[in-house]
């Protein structure tokens, strides 16, 4: 995880570790509709329902992202 992503994740944990679908999609760099399709297909990060809103815990987002990393060189 680069320094900027680590700083954003730390700030999220300190303020509220639960992100909305819109915030999660932005954090992952994907469309909200893609995130919804992944949730419906059981392929996205773990999420939970808080009232009428789906929420994603920052740790679940980061774990899902790390588990789905492919290729590249880790420095």
N, C-alpha and C. Protein backbone atom coordinates (compact mmCIF):
# COMPACT_ATOMS: atom_id res chain seq x y z
N UNK A 1 0.86 -1.17 0.00
CA UNK A 1 0.00 0.00 0.00
C UNK A 1 0.91 1.23 0.00
N UNK A 2 0.64 2.18 -0.89
CA UNK A 2 1.48 3.37 -0.92
C UNK A 2 1.15 4.28 0.26
N UNK A 3 2.00 5.28 0.49
CA UNK A 3 1.85 6.17 1.64
C UNK A 3 0.52 6.92 1.63
N UNK A 4 0.08 7.37 0.44
CA UNK A 4 -1.17 8.11 0.34
C UNK A 4 -2.36 7.23 0.71
N UNK A 5 -2.39 6.02 0.22
CA UNK A 5 -3.48 5.09 0.53
C UNK A 5 -3.46 4.75 2.02
N UNK A 6 -2.28 4.58 2.58
CA UNK A 6 -2.17 4.28 4.00
C UNK A 6 -2.69 5.44 4.84
N UNK A 7 -2.38 6.65 4.42
CA UNK A 7 -2.85 7.84 5.15
C UNK A 7 -4.37 7.96 5.07
N UNK A 8 -4.95 7.68 3.88
CA UNK A 8 -6.40 7.74 3.74
C UNK A 8 -7.08 6.67 4.59
N UNK A 9 -6.51 5.48 4.60
CA UNK A 9 -7.09 4.40 5.40
C UNK A 9 -7.01 4.73 6.88
N UNK A 10 -5.90 5.30 7.32
CA UNK A 10 -5.74 5.69 8.72
C UNK A 10 -6.76 6.76 9.11
N UNK A 11 -6.94 7.75 8.25
CA UNK A 11 -7.93 8.81 8.51
C UNK A 11 -9.34 8.23 8.58
N UNK A 12 -9.64 7.28 7.71
CA UNK A 12 -10.97 6.66 7.72
C UNK A 12 -11.19 5.90 9.01
N UNK A 13 -10.18 5.16 9.47
CA UNK A 13 -10.31 4.40 10.71
C UNK A 13 -10.52 5.33 11.90
N UNK A 14 -9.84 6.49 11.89
CA UNK A 14 -9.93 7.41 13.01
C UNK A 14 -11.27 8.14 13.05
N UNK A 15 -11.85 8.44 11.89
CA UNK A 15 -13.11 9.17 11.88
C UNK A 15 -14.29 8.20 11.94
N UNK A 16 -14.41 7.34 10.98
CA UNK A 16 -15.45 6.32 10.93
C UNK A 16 -14.94 5.23 9.99
N UNK A 17 -14.78 4.02 10.51
CA UNK A 17 -14.22 2.96 9.67
C UNK A 17 -15.20 2.41 8.62
N UNK A 18 -16.48 2.80 8.70
CA UNK A 18 -17.47 2.31 7.75
C UNK A 18 -17.69 3.32 6.63
N UNK A 19 -17.45 2.88 5.40
CA UNK A 19 -17.63 3.73 4.23
C UNK A 19 -18.92 3.37 3.53
N UNK A 20 -19.54 4.36 2.91
CA UNK A 20 -20.72 4.11 2.08
C UNK A 20 -20.26 3.44 0.80
N UNK A 21 -21.24 2.97 0.02
CA UNK A 21 -20.90 2.36 -1.27
C UNK A 21 -20.21 3.38 -2.18
N UNK A 22 -20.69 4.62 -2.15
CA UNK A 22 -20.08 5.66 -2.98
C UNK A 22 -18.62 5.89 -2.57
N UNK A 23 -18.36 6.00 -1.28
CA UNK A 23 -17.00 6.20 -0.79
C UNK A 23 -16.12 4.99 -1.10
N UNK A 24 -16.68 3.80 -0.94
CA UNK A 24 -15.93 2.57 -1.21
C UNK A 24 -15.55 2.48 -2.68
N UNK A 25 -16.51 2.76 -3.55
CA UNK A 25 -16.24 2.71 -4.99
C UNK A 25 -15.13 3.71 -5.34
N UNK A 26 -15.21 4.91 -4.78
CA UNK A 26 -14.18 5.92 -5.03
C UNK A 26 -12.83 5.42 -4.54
N UNK A 27 -12.80 4.86 -3.34
CA UNK A 27 -11.55 4.37 -2.75
C UNK A 27 -10.92 3.28 -3.62
N UNK A 28 -11.77 2.42 -4.20
CA UNK A 28 -11.27 1.34 -5.05
C UNK A 28 -11.04 1.75 -6.50
N UNK A 29 -11.56 2.94 -6.87
CA UNK A 29 -11.38 3.41 -8.25
C UNK A 29 -12.28 2.69 -9.24
N UNK A 30 -13.48 2.31 -8.78
CA UNK A 30 -14.44 1.64 -9.66
C UNK A 30 -15.77 2.38 -9.60
N UNK A 31 -16.65 2.08 -10.53
CA UNK A 31 -17.98 2.69 -10.53
C UNK A 31 -18.83 2.08 -9.42
N UNK A 32 -19.73 2.89 -8.88
CA UNK A 32 -20.62 2.40 -7.83
C UNK A 32 -21.48 1.23 -8.35
N UNK A 33 -21.87 1.30 -9.62
CA UNK A 33 -22.66 0.21 -10.19
C UNK A 33 -21.85 -1.09 -10.26
N UNK A 34 -20.55 -0.97 -10.50
CA UNK A 34 -19.68 -2.15 -10.50
C UNK A 34 -19.60 -2.75 -9.11
N UNK A 35 -19.45 -1.89 -8.11
CA UNK A 35 -19.40 -2.36 -6.73
C UNK A 35 -20.69 -3.07 -6.35
N UNK A 36 -21.83 -2.50 -6.77
CA UNK A 36 -23.13 -3.12 -6.48
C UNK A 36 -23.23 -4.49 -7.15
N UNK A 37 -22.81 -4.57 -8.40
CA UNK A 37 -22.86 -5.85 -9.12
C UNK A 37 -21.96 -6.88 -8.44
N UNK A 38 -20.80 -6.44 -7.95
CA UNK A 38 -19.90 -7.34 -7.24
C UNK A 38 -20.55 -7.81 -5.94
N UNK A 39 -21.21 -6.90 -5.22
CA UNK A 39 -21.90 -7.27 -3.98
C UNK A 39 -22.99 -8.29 -4.26
N UNK A 40 -23.81 -8.02 -5.27
CA UNK A 40 -24.90 -8.93 -5.61
C UNK A 40 -24.39 -10.30 -6.06
N UNK A 41 -23.23 -10.33 -6.68
CA UNK A 41 -22.63 -11.59 -7.13
C UNK A 41 -21.75 -12.26 -6.09
N UNK A 42 -21.62 -11.63 -4.91
CA UNK A 42 -20.80 -12.20 -3.85
C UNK A 42 -19.31 -12.15 -4.14
N UNK A 43 -18.89 -11.21 -4.98
CA UNK A 43 -17.47 -11.15 -5.39
C UNK A 43 -16.72 -9.94 -4.85
N UNK A 44 -17.39 -9.00 -4.23
CA UNK A 44 -16.75 -7.79 -3.74
C UNK A 44 -16.30 -7.91 -2.30
N UNK A 45 -15.86 -6.78 -1.73
CA UNK A 45 -15.46 -6.79 -0.33
C UNK A 45 -16.66 -7.08 0.58
N UNK A 46 -16.38 -7.63 1.75
CA UNK A 46 -17.44 -7.87 2.73
C UNK A 46 -18.16 -6.56 3.02
N UNK A 47 -19.45 -6.65 3.19
CA UNK A 47 -20.23 -5.46 3.53
C UNK A 47 -21.33 -5.85 4.47
N UNK A 48 -21.96 -4.84 5.05
CA UNK A 48 -23.06 -5.07 5.97
C UNK A 48 -24.07 -3.96 5.83
N UNK A 49 -25.26 -4.25 6.21
CA UNK A 49 -26.32 -3.27 6.08
C UNK A 49 -26.51 -2.53 7.39
N UNK A 50 -26.48 -1.22 7.33
CA UNK A 50 -26.75 -0.36 8.48
C UNK A 50 -28.02 0.40 8.11
N UNK A 51 -29.14 -0.03 8.63
CA UNK A 51 -30.41 0.58 8.24
C UNK A 51 -30.71 0.24 6.78
N UNK A 52 -30.88 1.26 5.97
CA UNK A 52 -31.15 1.05 4.55
C UNK A 52 -29.89 1.16 3.69
N UNK A 53 -28.76 1.39 4.32
CA UNK A 53 -27.52 1.66 3.59
C UNK A 53 -26.51 0.53 3.76
N UNK A 54 -25.89 0.14 2.65
CA UNK A 54 -24.81 -0.82 2.70
C UNK A 54 -23.54 -0.09 3.11
N UNK A 55 -22.81 -0.65 4.06
CA UNK A 55 -21.55 -0.07 4.53
C UNK A 55 -20.42 -1.08 4.38
N UNK A 56 -19.24 -0.55 4.13
CA UNK A 56 -18.04 -1.36 3.96
C UNK A 56 -17.01 -0.91 4.98
N UNK A 57 -16.49 -1.85 5.75
CA UNK A 57 -15.45 -1.50 6.74
C UNK A 57 -14.13 -1.37 5.99
N UNK A 58 -13.37 -0.36 6.34
CA UNK A 58 -12.11 -0.07 5.63
C UNK A 58 -11.17 -1.28 5.68
N UNK A 59 -11.15 -2.02 6.78
CA UNK A 59 -10.29 -3.19 6.87
C UNK A 59 -10.73 -4.29 5.89
N UNK A 60 -12.05 -4.45 5.73
CA UNK A 60 -12.56 -5.43 4.76
C UNK A 60 -12.23 -5.02 3.33
N UNK A 61 -12.30 -3.73 3.06
CA UNK A 61 -11.97 -3.22 1.72
C UNK A 61 -10.50 -3.50 1.42
N UNK A 62 -9.64 -3.14 2.36
CA UNK A 62 -8.20 -3.34 2.16
C UNK A 62 -7.85 -4.82 2.05
N UNK A 63 -8.48 -5.67 2.87
CA UNK A 63 -8.21 -7.12 2.82
C UNK A 63 -8.65 -7.69 1.48
N UNK A 64 -9.83 -7.28 1.00
CA UNK A 64 -10.32 -7.76 -0.29
C UNK A 64 -9.39 -7.32 -1.41
N UNK A 65 -8.97 -6.06 -1.36
CA UNK A 65 -8.09 -5.52 -2.39
C UNK A 65 -6.76 -6.28 -2.42
N UNK A 66 -6.18 -6.51 -1.25
CA UNK A 66 -4.91 -7.23 -1.17
C UNK A 66 -5.06 -8.67 -1.66
N UNK A 67 -6.17 -9.30 -1.35
CA UNK A 67 -6.39 -10.69 -1.76
C UNK A 67 -6.59 -10.80 -3.28
N UNK A 68 -6.97 -9.70 -3.92
CA UNK A 68 -7.23 -9.72 -5.34
C UNK A 68 -6.11 -9.06 -6.16
N UNK A 69 -4.98 -8.80 -5.51
CA UNK A 69 -3.84 -8.20 -6.22
C UNK A 69 -3.26 -9.20 -7.21
N UNK A 70 -2.90 -8.70 -8.38
CA UNK A 70 -2.33 -9.54 -9.43
C UNK A 70 -1.14 -8.83 -10.05
N UNK A 71 -0.10 -9.58 -10.35
CA UNK A 71 1.04 -9.08 -11.09
C UNK A 71 1.76 -7.92 -10.43
N UNK A 72 2.56 -7.23 -11.21
CA UNK A 72 3.28 -6.07 -10.69
C UNK A 72 4.47 -6.46 -9.82
N UNK A 73 5.18 -5.46 -9.40
CA UNK A 73 6.36 -5.66 -8.57
C UNK A 73 6.13 -4.93 -7.27
N UNK A 74 6.31 -5.63 -6.17
CA UNK A 74 6.18 -5.00 -4.86
C UNK A 74 7.55 -4.55 -4.41
N UNK A 75 7.64 -3.26 -4.07
CA UNK A 75 8.93 -2.69 -3.69
C UNK A 75 9.13 -2.72 -2.30
